[in-house]
Amino acid sequence: MKTELARTRALRRLALALGLSLAAATAAHAQDRPPPGADYGAQSPSADGDSDAQEAQEAEPAPEQSRRSRRPARTRTDVSAYLEVAQVLSADLGSGGETLTYTSLAAGVDGQMQTRRVTAQISYRYERDVDWNNGASIDRDSHSGLAAVNLEIVPGALSFDAGALATRTGGNGRVLGVTNRDETVDVYSAYVGPTLSTNAGPLAINAAYRLGAVWVDDHRAAGTLNDDFDSSVAHSATASVGMAPGGSGLPFGWTVGGGYAREDNGGRFDQHFEGYYVRGDVVLPVGATLALTAGVGYENMRADQRDFVRDAGGAPVIGPNGPTPNPAAPRLLTYDLDGVMYDAGVIWRPSPRTELQARAGRRYGGTTVTGSLDHRFNSHQGVHIDIFDSVQTFGNQLANDYSGLSNGFDVNRDPLTGGLGGCAFGGQGGSQGRGACFDRTLASISGNSFRMRGGSLLFSGERGRWSYGLGAGYAHRRYNRPAIAGVAAFASSDEVYSVYGSLSRQLSRTSSLDFNAFGSWYDSDVTADPVTTVGATMSYNRTFFTEHLQLMAALGLYNSDDGTDSATNASALGGLRYTF
């Protein structure tokens, strides 16, 4: 009964997440350029996580080019559904390890639609595993997918955007290489909201609102994640007005903007985060390809949670799962920051294929450095590098990751589990936009806000029959938790390094060969040893009968080590897929 209830709960959450995305088909699609300053709170469509650079970019001269002008004149729809059956052998290569065999039954849909006002894409898969070993601990059901809907209400002015994500992890530090014999944490997320981008004479006016939600289900036998995070709802609003250089005779561009964000966590500690800001930015061109930028503003951020049950001496009572919340006590402040922020930097665009932005200044009570580099080597290869520094919450950061995906994104799936890989790459070898890697966010799920600093690199391309992608990143989080002696049930800081690569070769019109490899290293101040995960997979696919029937074969090798427990698994798969 407990299993059935959990399954029903998961299906309802997934249906809601995908429903929020698909329901947006009655509204409008978001502009490429997001409103400024959304570095905390749910990020607007196509943002890359560095909103401060976006603020300056709003004040720069830009060619008048709406999404409508880039949409196809005719409707293009490519949607395929499939049914799949496969037999899987999974062997534990450790001392005394057991070999499991199970049948995988899956159904999914992959598709895109483009019209003059609508762009939609979905990649969704449901899998049911039937084991052949009594007592085997195989996660029976799994959902994985990405969906995005972009629609225009008033072309070039008012638009609407929605997206949804379903994936799973193996716990802290275990995002990559999660096999079907692992205990897992299911994660579901969705966001919706309108965007206004218009002009009043020389003034550019932008505004946006986002509603986002995240749900998690911890299926691990000893899992305590729900004690800290169960679900969250986030609201974010931004607005700005600006003028490009040369407007009204001014030699510089300017932008004045503001924003508000709030997230409420439904976990036991009922964490709340709230923040707002106002700021102004100027951009001064100093050459045909170079501009200087600077900004100053004020921000206020605050986070709190339920206090703990305390003993007669006032010390928190520590139970088996850490401190116990006390709903009757006054709320406990975990983060309180207000003050002036300022920064300055450069924007360099030596060609239409290259853009570099870099900024340094003071924010969050200390020095901050952000930057980004976008470069398209040619029409088939592109690279994006991002240096980030922001105060975030888990739900907002997860939405930021996948809301920045470009149209035509390529979802990389593990050929043995069907789960999402470490990254999703931009369309056409990355030349049409950016991809995203999810491990920096999913490596640690927390109900508290945190300051996150680090960097990431995404490179993808295609050449002839080859296609390839590489993702690498580092993220350090310092959590805003109560600084009380004896409260050490959760980490106050952690960090993760990760790398992911894929290589695909089209052998013929009907056959292909794919390689994937990954590595992840996670550490926190409450773990004795880092969590290390490495692995590689190889798969072969061949289609028959007018390309409806597909033969699948795959091999995989996975290793995970948390310093106490080390496991190495080898898996093999053989199966058939029928595509409608």
Protein backbone atom coordinates (compact mmCIF):
# COMPACT_ATOMS: atom_id res chain seq x y z
CA MET A 1 0.00 0.00 0.00
CA LYS A 2 2.82 2.39 0.89
CA THR A 3 4.44 1.74 -2.49
CA GLU A 4 1.19 2.37 -4.35
CA LEU A 5 0.59 5.62 -2.47
CA ALA A 6 4.11 6.81 -3.25
CA ARG A 7 3.64 5.90 -6.91
CA THR A 8 0.32 7.76 -7.08
CA ARG A 9 1.91 10.79 -5.42
CA ALA A 10 4.78 10.79 -7.92
CA LEU A 11 2.43 10.52 -10.90
CA ARG A 12 0.32 13.41 -9.65
CA ARG A 13 3.38 15.60 -9.17
CA LEU A 14 4.73 14.76 -12.60
CA ALA A 15 1.35 15.43 -14.19
CA LEU A 16 1.21 18.83 -12.51
CA ALA A 17 4.77 19.69 -13.56
CA LEU A 18 4.19 18.77 -17.19
CA GLY A 19 0.71 20.28 -17.09
CA LEU A 20 2.06 23.67 -16.07
CA SER A 21 4.34 23.51 -19.08
CA LEU A 22 1.79 22.36 -21.64
CA ALA A 23 -1.00 24.61 -20.37
CA ALA A 24 1.09 27.58 -21.44
CA ALA A 25 0.15 26.78 -25.03
CA THR A 26 -2.72 29.26 -24.68
CA ALA A 27 -0.47 32.19 -23.81
CA ALA A 28 2.73 33.73 -25.21
CA HIS A 29 6.42 33.01 -25.61
CA ALA A 30 9.32 34.83 -23.89
CA GLN A 31 11.93 37.01 -25.53
CA ASP A 32 15.55 35.92 -25.93
CA ARG A 33 16.79 38.72 -23.71
CA PRO A 34 15.63 38.44 -20.07
CA PRO A 35 14.73 41.34 -17.82
CA PRO A 36 17.69 42.61 -15.81
CA GLY A 37 18.73 41.73 -12.32
CA ALA A 38 17.17 38.30 -11.85
CA ASP A 39 20.11 36.75 -10.04
CA TYR A 40 17.99 35.69 -7.13
CA GLY A 41 14.46 34.52 -7.55
CA ALA A 42 13.15 32.53 -10.48
CA GLN A 43 15.11 33.53 -13.52
CA SER A 44 13.49 34.71 -16.69
CA PRO A 45 13.69 32.74 -19.92
CA SER A 46 17.01 32.25 -21.64
CA ALA A 47 19.02 33.78 -18.82
CA ASP A 48 22.39 32.29 -18.08
CA GLY A 49 22.61 32.87 -14.36
CA ASP A 50 24.58 36.13 -14.43
CA SER A 51 21.90 38.77 -14.27
CA ASP A 52 24.17 41.66 -13.42
CA ALA A 53 25.77 41.38 -16.83
CA GLN A 54 22.28 41.30 -18.30
CA GLU A 55 21.47 44.61 -16.63
CA ALA A 56 24.26 46.34 -18.49
CA GLN A 57 23.36 44.55 -21.69
CA GLU A 58 19.86 46.04 -21.54
CA ALA A 59 21.37 49.51 -21.90
CA GLU A 60 23.45 48.65 -24.94
CA PRO A 61 22.51 49.26 -28.56
CA ALA A 62 20.95 46.17 -30.10
CA PRO A 63 19.52 45.44 -33.53
CA GLU A 64 15.75 45.39 -33.72
CA GLN A 65 15.16 41.67 -34.11
CA SER A 66 12.10 40.04 -32.61
CA ARG A 67 11.57 36.32 -32.13
CA ARG A 68 8.71 36.60 -34.58
CA SER A 69 11.11 37.45 -37.40
CA ARG A 70 13.10 34.31 -36.66
CA ARG A 71 10.13 31.94 -36.52
CA PRO A 72 9.31 29.78 -39.53
CA ALA A 73 6.57 30.96 -41.85
CA ARG A 74 5.08 27.46 -41.85
CA THR A 75 4.28 25.16 -38.99
CA ARG A 76 6.91 22.48 -38.39
CA THR A 77 5.93 19.59 -36.14
CA ASP A 78 8.04 16.54 -35.38
CA VAL A 79 6.62 14.37 -32.59
CA SER A 80 7.29 10.67 -32.04
CA ALA A 81 6.07 8.36 -29.32
CA TYR A 82 7.65 5.02 -28.55
CA LEU A 83 7.27 1.78 -26.62
CA GLU A 84 10.33 -0.08 -25.44
CA VAL A 85 11.16 -3.45 -23.90
CA ALA A 86 14.66 -4.45 -22.83
CA GLN A 87 16.41 -7.08 -20.74
CA VAL A 88 19.09 -5.79 -18.37
CA LEU A 89 21.87 -7.63 -16.55
CA SER A 90 23.52 -5.76 -13.66
CA ALA A 91 26.48 -7.29 -11.82
CA ASP A 92 28.04 -6.00 -8.60
CA LEU A 93 31.77 -6.49 -9.14
CA GLY A 94 32.59 -6.11 -5.45
CA SER A 95 33.42 -9.00 -3.13
CA GLY A 96 30.30 -11.12 -2.68
CA GLY A 97 28.22 -8.89 -4.92
CA GLU A 98 25.05 -10.23 -6.54
CA THR A 99 23.97 -10.24 -10.17
CA LEU A 100 20.51 -8.92 -10.95
CA THR A 101 18.41 -9.36 -14.06
CA TYR A 102 15.29 -7.38 -14.80
CA THR A 103 13.01 -6.42 -17.66
CA SER A 104 12.62 -2.75 -18.47
CA LEU A 105 9.29 -1.59 -19.93
CA ALA A 106 9.22 2.04 -21.08
CA ALA A 107 7.04 4.52 -22.93
CA GLY A 108 8.03 7.98 -24.00
CA VAL A 109 7.58 10.90 -26.33
CA ASP A 110 10.07 13.21 -28.03
CA GLY A 111 8.96 16.12 -30.12
CA GLN A 112 9.19 19.71 -31.28
CA MET A 113 6.71 22.19 -32.70
CA GLN A 114 7.44 25.56 -34.28
CA THR A 115 5.05 28.13 -35.70
CA ARG A 116 5.20 31.90 -36.06
CA ARG A 117 4.04 32.26 -32.44
CA VAL A 118 4.68 28.92 -30.75
CA THR A 119 7.84 26.99 -29.96
CA ALA A 120 7.48 23.81 -27.91
CA GLN A 121 9.73 20.88 -27.13
CA ILE A 122 9.37 17.82 -24.92
CA SER A 123 11.41 14.74 -24.09
CA TYR A 124 9.63 12.53 -21.55
CA ARG A 125 10.10 8.89 -20.53
CA TYR A 126 8.32 6.60 -18.06
CA GLU A 127 10.01 3.34 -17.14
CA ARG A 128 8.81 0.32 -15.18
CA ASP A 129 11.33 -2.33 -14.08
CA VAL A 130 10.25 -5.90 -13.37
CA ASP A 131 12.95 -7.80 -11.49
CA TRP A 132 13.72 -11.49 -11.82
CA ASN A 133 15.40 -11.72 -8.41
CA ASN A 134 13.28 -12.04 -5.29
CA GLY A 135 14.07 -9.26 -2.84
CA ALA A 136 16.13 -7.24 -5.32
CA SER A 137 16.16 -3.55 -4.49
CA ILE A 138 15.31 -2.03 -7.87
CA ASP A 139 13.51 1.28 -8.15
CA ARG A 140 10.29 0.08 -9.77
CA ASP A 141 9.13 3.26 -11.49
CA SER A 142 10.96 6.30 -12.81
CA HIS A 143 10.05 9.47 -14.66
CA SER A 144 12.53 11.65 -16.52
CA GLY A 145 12.13 14.49 -18.95
CA LEU A 146 12.38 18.11 -19.98
CA ALA A 147 9.64 20.24 -21.49
CA ALA A 148 9.56 23.85 -22.67
CA VAL A 149 6.79 25.94 -24.22
CA ASN A 150 7.38 29.45 -25.60
CA LEU A 151 4.46 31.40 -27.02
CA GLU A 152 3.79 34.96 -28.11
CA ILE A 153 0.61 36.83 -27.22
CA VAL A 154 1.60 40.16 -28.79
CA PRO A 155 4.52 39.53 -31.18
CA GLY A 156 7.60 41.42 -30.13
CA ALA A 157 5.97 42.76 -26.93
CA LEU A 158 4.09 40.35 -24.66
CA SER A 159 5.03 36.70 -24.32
CA PHE A 160 4.64 33.67 -22.08
CA ASP A 161 7.03 30.90 -21.08
CA ALA A 162 6.76 27.59 -19.24
CA GLY A 163 8.96 24.61 -18.55
CA ALA A 164 9.10 21.38 -16.55
CA LEU A 165 11.75 18.93 -15.38
CA ALA A 166 11.57 15.40 -13.97
CA THR A 167 14.74 13.60 -12.89
CA ARG A 168 16.31 11.69 -10.01
CA THR A 169 19.49 11.59 -7.96
CA GLY A 170 21.17 9.08 -5.66
CA GLY A 171 21.49 11.58 -2.79
CA ASN A 172 24.17 14.13 -1.94
CA GLY A 173 26.89 14.08 -4.57
CA ARG A 174 25.19 11.31 -6.58
CA VAL A 175 23.71 13.02 -9.64
CA LEU A 176 25.60 11.13 -12.35
CA GLY A 177 25.62 7.36 -12.78
CA VAL A 178 22.43 6.58 -10.83
CA THR A 179 21.54 3.00 -11.79
CA ASN A 180 18.20 1.23 -11.48
CA ARG A 181 19.51 -0.79 -8.54
CA ASP A 182 20.24 2.36 -6.52
CA GLU A 183 17.90 3.96 -4.01
CA THR A 184 16.90 7.33 -5.42
CA VAL A 185 15.46 10.78 -4.80
CA ASP A 186 12.86 11.92 -7.37
CA VAL A 187 12.87 15.61 -8.28
CA TYR A 188 10.06 17.42 -10.14
CA SER A 189 10.06 21.10 -11.10
CA ALA A 190 7.98 23.50 -13.19
CA TYR A 191 7.70 27.24 -13.87
CA VAL A 192 5.35 29.58 -15.77
CA GLY A 193 5.15 33.30 -16.34
CA PRO A 194 4.72 36.24 -18.75
CA THR A 195 7.35 38.64 -20.08
CA LEU A 196 6.84 42.17 -21.38
CA SER A 197 9.46 43.67 -23.69
CA THR A 198 8.49 46.80 -25.57
CA ASN A 199 9.51 50.38 -26.37
CA ALA A 200 8.11 53.84 -25.75
CA GLY A 201 10.05 56.04 -28.15
CA PRO A 202 13.75 55.62 -27.29
CA LEU A 203 12.90 53.94 -23.95
CA ALA A 204 13.14 50.15 -23.63
CA ILE A 205 10.63 48.76 -21.12
CA ASN A 206 10.94 45.24 -19.70
CA ALA A 207 9.04 43.32 -17.02
CA ALA A 208 8.54 39.69 -16.06
CA TYR A 209 6.88 37.48 -13.48
CA ARG A 210 7.66 33.83 -12.74
CA LEU A 211 5.86 31.25 -10.62
CA GLY A 212 7.96 28.17 -9.92
CA ALA A 213 7.53 25.00 -7.90
CA VAL A 214 9.69 22.02 -6.90
CA TRP A 215 8.76 18.69 -5.30
CA VAL A 216 11.03 15.89 -4.09
CA ASP A 217 10.42 12.30 -2.99
CA ASP A 218 13.17 10.53 -1.02
CA HIS A 219 12.90 6.77 -1.64
CA ARG A 220 16.07 5.85 0.25
CA ALA A 221 15.59 3.52 3.22
CA ALA A 222 17.50 5.86 5.55
CA GLY A 223 16.70 9.03 3.66
CA THR A 224 16.11 12.15 5.76
CA LEU A 225 15.85 14.67 2.93
CA ASN A 226 12.18 15.37 3.63
CA ASP A 227 13.20 16.60 7.07
CA ASP A 228 14.97 19.51 5.35
CA PHE A 229 13.20 19.90 1.99
CA ASP A 230 9.89 18.53 0.75
CA SER A 231 8.58 21.09 -1.74
CA SER A 232 8.77 24.80 -2.44
CA VAL A 233 6.89 27.56 -4.24
CA ALA A 234 8.72 30.60 -5.59
CA HIS A 235 7.60 33.98 -6.92
CA SER A 236 9.80 36.42 -8.82
CA ALA A 237 9.10 39.77 -10.47
CA THR A 238 11.47 42.12 -12.28
CA ALA A 239 11.07 45.39 -14.16
CA SER A 240 13.37 47.89 -15.87
CA VAL A 241 13.43 50.91 -18.11
CA GLY A 242 16.46 52.01 -20.11
CA MET A 243 17.86 53.75 -23.13
CA ALA A 244 20.60 52.74 -25.56
CA PRO A 245 23.69 54.93 -26.17
CA GLY A 246 22.79 57.79 -28.47
CA GLY A 247 19.21 57.95 -27.23
CA SER A 248 18.16 61.59 -26.71
CA GLY A 249 21.71 62.61 -27.58
CA LEU A 250 23.37 60.88 -24.62
CA PRO A 251 26.75 59.22 -25.34
CA PHE A 252 26.02 56.38 -22.91
CA GLY A 253 23.23 53.90 -22.31
CA TRP A 254 21.44 53.55 -19.00
CA THR A 255 19.06 51.20 -17.21
CA VAL A 256 17.11 51.54 -13.97
CA GLY A 257 15.60 48.32 -12.68
CA GLY A 258 14.30 46.47 -9.67
CA GLY A 259 13.14 43.05 -8.63
CA TYR A 260 11.46 41.00 -5.91
CA ALA A 261 11.76 37.29 -5.07
CA ARG A 262 10.24 34.97 -2.49
CA GLU A 263 10.43 31.23 -1.90
CA ASP A 264 8.52 29.19 0.72
CA ASN A 265 9.70 25.68 1.56
CA GLY A 266 7.16 23.13 2.75
CA GLY A 267 9.64 21.06 4.77
CA ARG A 268 9.59 20.53 8.53
CA PHE A 269 11.49 23.77 9.21
CA ASP A 270 9.24 25.85 6.92
CA GLN A 271 12.09 27.99 5.55
CA HIS A 272 11.26 31.33 3.91
CA PHE A 273 13.45 33.49 1.69
CA GLU A 274 12.60 37.01 0.54
CA GLY A 275 14.63 39.65 -1.25
CA TYR A 276 14.33 42.79 -3.32
CA TYR A 277 16.69 45.23 -5.04
CA VAL A 278 16.84 48.46 -7.04
CA ARG A 279 19.83 49.52 -9.12
CA GLY A 280 21.01 51.64 -12.00
CA ASP A 281 23.57 50.79 -14.69
CA VAL A 282 25.36 52.71 -17.42
CA VAL A 283 27.19 51.45 -20.51
CA LEU A 284 29.74 53.65 -22.27
CA PRO A 285 31.01 52.49 -25.69
CA VAL A 286 34.75 53.22 -26.05
CA GLY A 287 35.20 51.59 -29.44
CA ALA A 288 33.46 49.64 -32.13
CA THR A 289 33.69 46.39 -30.14
CA LEU A 290 34.35 47.47 -26.53
CA ALA A 291 32.18 49.10 -23.87
CA LEU A 292 32.68 49.95 -20.20
CA THR A 293 29.86 49.33 -17.75
CA ALA A 294 29.18 50.17 -14.10
CA GLY A 295 26.26 49.96 -11.74
CA VAL A 296 25.16 50.79 -8.21
CA GLY A 297 22.11 49.88 -6.20
CA TYR A 298 20.54 48.74 -2.94
CA GLU A 299 19.38 45.26 -1.97
CA ASN A 300 17.70 43.63 1.02
CA MET A 301 17.55 39.87 1.57
CA ARG A 302 16.18 37.95 4.51
CA ALA A 303 15.67 34.25 5.33
CA ASP A 304 14.14 32.57 8.37
CA GLN A 305 12.86 29.21 9.59
CA ARG A 306 11.18 27.56 12.57
CA ASP A 307 13.18 27.53 15.78
CA PHE A 308 14.21 24.27 17.47
CA VAL A 309 12.75 22.44 20.43
CA ARG A 310 15.10 23.34 23.30
CA ASP A 311 15.88 21.91 26.69
CA ALA A 312 15.72 23.78 30.01
CA GLY A 313 19.15 25.30 29.34
CA GLY A 314 18.11 26.65 25.96
CA ALA A 315 20.17 24.18 23.91
CA PRO A 316 18.51 22.52 20.88
CA VAL A 317 17.26 18.99 21.43
CA ILE A 318 19.03 16.71 18.95
CA GLY A 319 17.06 13.66 17.85
CA PRO A 320 17.92 10.78 15.46
CA ASN A 321 17.37 13.09 12.46
CA GLY A 322 18.95 16.16 14.03
CA PRO A 323 17.16 19.08 15.70
CA THR A 324 13.36 19.08 15.97
CA PRO A 325 11.39 22.16 14.78
CA ASN A 326 9.17 24.03 17.21
CA PRO A 327 6.19 25.61 15.35
CA ALA A 328 5.06 27.45 18.48
CA ALA A 329 8.31 29.38 18.99
CA PRO A 330 9.18 32.67 17.24
CA ARG A 331 10.84 32.14 13.87
CA LEU A 332 14.63 31.97 13.74
CA LEU A 333 16.48 34.41 11.47
CA THR A 334 19.08 32.64 9.28
CA TYR A 335 20.11 35.39 6.84
CA ASP A 336 19.74 39.16 6.99
CA LEU A 337 21.55 41.42 4.51
CA ASP A 338 20.84 44.91 3.32
CA GLY A 339 23.15 47.52 1.88
CA VAL A 340 24.67 49.11 -1.16
CA MET A 341 25.99 47.01 -4.05
CA TYR A 342 28.23 48.25 -6.84
CA ASP A 343 30.36 46.82 -9.63
CA ALA A 344 32.10 47.72 -12.89
CA GLY A 345 33.39 45.84 -15.89
CA VAL A 346 33.74 45.49 -19.63
CA ILE A 347 31.69 44.12 -22.52
CA TRP A 348 33.66 43.00 -25.56
CA ARG A 349 32.09 41.89 -28.86
CA PRO A 350 34.85 41.55 -31.46
CA SER A 351 32.48 39.76 -33.86
CA PRO A 352 28.86 38.58 -34.04
CA ARG A 353 30.13 35.14 -32.98
CA THR A 354 31.92 36.22 -29.79
CA GLU A 355 30.90 38.05 -26.64
CA LEU A 356 32.85 38.48 -23.38
CA GLN A 357 31.45 40.10 -20.25
CA ALA A 358 33.32 40.55 -16.96
CA ARG A 359 32.42 42.41 -13.77
CA ALA A 360 33.88 42.89 -10.30
CA GLY A 361 32.59 44.81 -7.32
CA ARG A 362 31.04 44.46 -3.89
CA ARG A 363 27.89 42.53 -3.09
CA TYR A 364 26.55 40.12 -0.44
CA GLY A 365 28.82 41.75 2.11
CA GLY A 366 32.06 41.08 0.21
CA THR A 367 33.86 41.02 -3.11
CA THR A 368 32.04 39.54 -6.08
CA VAL A 369 33.28 38.57 -9.55
CA THR A 370 31.08 37.41 -12.43
CA GLY A 371 31.60 36.90 -16.13
CA SER A 372 30.67 34.96 -19.24
CA LEU A 373 32.12 34.07 -22.62
CA ASP A 374 30.09 32.93 -25.62
CA HIS A 375 31.81 31.93 -28.83
CA ARG A 376 30.58 30.13 -31.94
CA PHE A 377 33.54 28.67 -33.81
CA ASN A 378 31.30 28.08 -36.82
CA SER A 379 27.73 27.10 -37.58
CA HIS A 380 28.28 23.67 -35.97
CA GLN A 381 30.40 24.38 -32.87
CA GLY A 382 29.91 26.59 -29.84
CA VAL A 383 31.26 27.12 -26.33
CA HIS A 384 29.87 28.91 -23.28
CA ILE A 385 31.84 29.71 -20.12
CA ASP A 386 30.18 31.19 -17.05
CA ILE A 387 31.61 32.54 -13.77
CA PHE A 388 28.81 32.98 -11.24
CA ASP A 389 28.26 34.39 -7.76
CA SER A 390 24.76 34.70 -6.34
CA VAL A 391 22.55 34.13 -3.31
CA GLN A 392 20.09 31.40 -4.21
CA THR A 393 17.57 28.82 -3.06
CA PHE A 394 17.37 25.28 -4.40
CA GLY A 395 14.07 25.73 -6.22
CA ASN A 396 15.10 28.98 -7.91
CA GLN A 397 18.51 27.68 -8.92
CA LEU A 398 17.08 24.51 -10.48
CA ALA A 399 14.63 26.54 -12.56
CA ASN A 400 17.49 28.84 -13.60
CA ASP A 401 19.43 25.86 -14.92
CA TYR A 402 16.87 24.51 -17.35
CA SER A 403 14.98 27.72 -18.18
CA GLY A 404 18.13 28.91 -19.95
CA LEU A 405 18.04 26.07 -22.50
CA SER A 406 17.75 27.16 -26.11
CA ASN A 407 15.18 25.89 -28.57
CA GLY A 408 16.17 22.55 -30.07
CA PHE A 409 18.08 21.36 -27.00
CA ASP A 410 19.48 17.82 -27.12
CA VAL A 411 18.67 15.64 -24.09
CA ASN A 412 21.41 13.13 -23.31
CA ARG A 413 20.05 9.99 -21.63
CA ASP A 414 21.83 7.10 -19.98
CA PRO A 415 21.29 4.23 -22.48
CA LEU A 416 20.91 1.66 -19.65
CA THR A 417 18.57 3.53 -17.34
CA GLY A 418 16.89 6.09 -19.62
CA GLY A 419 17.60 8.79 -17.03
CA LEU A 420 18.80 12.29 -17.88
CA GLY A 421 22.54 12.58 -18.32
CA GLY A 422 24.67 15.26 -16.72
CA CYS A 423 23.95 17.92 -19.36
CA ALA A 424 21.52 18.99 -22.05
CA PHE A 425 23.24 20.65 -24.99
CA GLY A 426 22.05 23.48 -27.23
CA GLY A 427 20.57 22.78 -30.64
CA GLN A 428 22.74 22.16 -33.71
CA GLY A 429 25.99 21.59 -31.92
CA GLY A 430 25.47 24.48 -29.55
CA SER A 431 25.56 27.07 -32.33
CA GLN A 432 21.91 27.99 -31.83
CA GLY A 433 22.04 28.61 -28.08
CA ARG A 434 23.15 27.36 -24.72
CA GLY A 435 22.86 24.08 -22.93
CA ALA A 436 22.81 23.36 -19.21
CA CYS A 437 24.30 20.95 -16.67
CA PHE A 438 22.22 20.07 -13.63
CA ASP A 439 24.73 18.47 -11.28
CA ARG A 440 25.83 21.76 -9.64
CA THR A 441 22.29 22.16 -8.27
CA LEU A 442 21.12 18.56 -7.79
CA ALA A 443 24.31 17.51 -5.97
CA SER A 444 22.80 18.91 -2.77
CA ILE A 445 19.12 19.56 -2.03
CA SER A 446 18.50 21.97 0.84
CA GLY A 447 15.67 24.04 2.23
CA ASN A 448 18.00 26.87 3.29
CA SER A 449 19.22 29.70 1.09
CA PHE A 450 22.89 29.75 0.17
CA ARG A 451 25.57 31.76 -1.56
CA MET A 452 26.88 29.86 -4.58
CA ARG A 453 30.12 30.67 -6.41
CA GLY A 454 31.88 28.80 -9.16
CA GLY A 455 32.17 28.33 -12.88
CA SER A 456 31.01 26.11 -15.72
CA LEU A 457 31.96 25.28 -19.28
CA LEU A 458 29.78 23.84 -22.04
CA PHE A 459 31.15 22.89 -25.45
CA SER A 460 29.25 21.04 -28.15
CA GLY A 461 29.48 20.53 -31.87
CA GLU A 462 29.08 18.27 -34.86
CA ARG A 463 31.25 17.45 -37.84
CA GLY A 464 30.12 15.16 -40.59
CA ARG A 465 28.78 12.01 -38.95
CA TRP A 466 30.25 12.93 -35.56
CA SER A 467 28.56 14.90 -32.77
CA TYR A 468 30.05 15.64 -29.38
CA GLY A 469 29.59 17.57 -26.17
CA LEU A 470 31.58 18.39 -23.06
CA GLY A 471 30.41 19.88 -19.77
CA ALA A 472 32.55 20.73 -16.74
CA GLY A 473 31.90 22.75 -13.62
CA TYR A 474 32.66 23.67 -10.06
CA ALA A 475 30.27 25.05 -7.44
CA HIS A 476 30.81 26.01 -3.81
CA ARG A 477 27.79 26.64 -1.58
CA ARG A 478 27.77 28.27 1.84
CA TYR A 479 24.38 27.72 3.47
CA ASN A 480 22.54 30.26 5.57
CA ARG A 481 21.84 28.04 8.57
CA PRO A 482 21.45 28.91 12.25
CA ALA A 483 24.87 29.32 13.88
CA ILE A 484 24.05 27.44 17.10
CA ALA A 485 26.42 25.10 18.92
CA GLY A 486 25.39 21.47 18.67
CA VAL A 487 23.40 21.91 15.44
CA ALA A 488 25.47 20.05 12.86
CA ALA A 489 22.93 17.72 11.30
CA PHE A 490 23.19 19.50 7.96
CA ALA A 491 26.19 20.86 6.08
CA SER A 492 27.05 24.54 6.41
CA SER A 493 29.10 24.39 3.18
CA ASP A 494 29.82 21.96 0.37
CA GLU A 495 31.41 21.85 -3.07
CA VAL A 496 31.18 19.74 -6.19
CA TYR A 497 33.46 19.21 -9.20
CA SER A 498 32.04 17.45 -12.23
CA VAL A 499 32.80 16.62 -15.84
CA TYR A 500 30.60 15.01 -18.50
CA GLY A 501 31.35 14.09 -22.09
CA SER A 502 29.47 12.52 -24.99
CA LEU A 503 30.55 11.35 -28.44
CA SER A 504 28.28 9.97 -31.15
CA ARG A 505 29.02 8.49 -34.57
CA GLN A 506 26.39 7.91 -37.26
CA LEU A 507 27.61 4.65 -38.80
CA SER A 508 25.00 4.59 -41.54
CA ARG A 509 21.55 5.94 -42.27
CA THR A 510 20.07 3.32 -39.94
CA SER A 511 22.75 2.75 -37.27
CA SER A 512 24.74 4.76 -34.73
CA LEU A 513 27.25 4.31 -31.92
CA ASP A 514 27.36 6.47 -28.77
CA PHE A 515 29.90 6.90 -25.94
CA ASN A 516 29.35 8.75 -22.66
CA ALA A 517 31.68 9.27 -19.71
CA PHE A 518 31.33 11.23 -16.46
CA GLY A 519 32.94 11.98 -13.13
CA SER A 520 31.77 13.82 -10.03
CA TRP A 521 33.50 14.69 -6.74
CA TYR A 522 31.39 16.05 -3.86
CA ASP A 523 32.51 17.09 -0.37
CA SER A 524 30.90 18.86 2.60
CA ASP A 525 31.88 19.86 6.12
CA VAL A 526 29.79 17.05 7.69
CA THR A 527 31.14 14.15 5.60
CA ALA A 528 34.33 12.36 6.59
CA ASP A 529 35.21 11.55 2.98
CA PRO A 530 34.20 12.97 -0.39
CA VAL A 531 31.62 11.20 -2.54
CA THR A 532 33.18 10.11 -5.83
CA THR A 533 31.20 8.87 -8.83
CA VAL A 534 32.71 7.86 -12.17
CA GLY A 535 31.41 5.82 -15.08
CA ALA A 536 31.12 5.26 -18.81
CA THR A 537 28.55 3.79 -21.21
CA MET A 538 28.56 2.62 -24.82
CA SER A 539 25.46 1.97 -26.90
CA TYR A 540 24.60 0.77 -30.40
CA ASN A 541 21.29 1.39 -32.19
CA ARG A 542 20.00 0.13 -35.52
CA THR A 543 16.59 0.69 -37.12
CA PHE A 544 14.54 -1.72 -39.27
CA PHE A 545 11.23 -1.76 -41.11
CA THR A 546 11.00 1.82 -42.38
CA GLU A 547 12.80 3.02 -39.27
CA HIS A 548 9.94 2.20 -36.88
CA LEU A 549 11.64 -0.72 -35.12
CA GLN A 550 14.97 -0.18 -33.40
CA LEU A 551 17.45 -2.66 -32.00
CA MET A 552 19.26 -1.42 -28.87
CA ALA A 553 22.40 -2.74 -27.18
CA ALA A 554 24.39 -1.05 -24.42
CA LEU A 555 27.19 -1.63 -21.91
CA GLY A 556 27.95 0.42 -18.81
CA LEU A 557 30.45 0.54 -15.96
CA TYR A 558 29.69 2.60 -12.82
CA ASN A 559 31.60 3.22 -9.59
CA SER A 560 30.57 5.19 -6.50
CA ASP A 561 32.58 5.63 -3.30
CA ASP A 562 31.70 7.69 -0.21
CA GLY A 563 34.73 6.63 1.80
CA THR A 564 32.74 4.01 3.71
CA ASP A 565 30.98 2.13 0.97
CA SER A 566 32.39 1.53 -2.51
CA ALA A 567 30.38 -0.13 -5.27
CA THR A 568 31.31 -1.01 -8.84
CA ASN A 569 28.54 -2.18 -11.15
CA ALA A 570 28.69 -3.48 -14.71
CA SER A 571 25.50 -3.53 -16.77
CA ALA A 572 24.46 -4.85 -20.17
CA LEU A 573 21.22 -4.21 -22.05
CA GLY A 574 19.55 -5.67 -25.10
CA GLY A 575 16.13 -4.62 -26.32
CA LEU A 576 13.73 -3.32 -28.96
CA ARG A 577 11.96 0.01 -29.39
CA TYR A 578 8.96 0.67 -31.63
CA THR A 579 8.42 4.29 -32.66
CA PHE A 580 5.01 5.47 -33.83
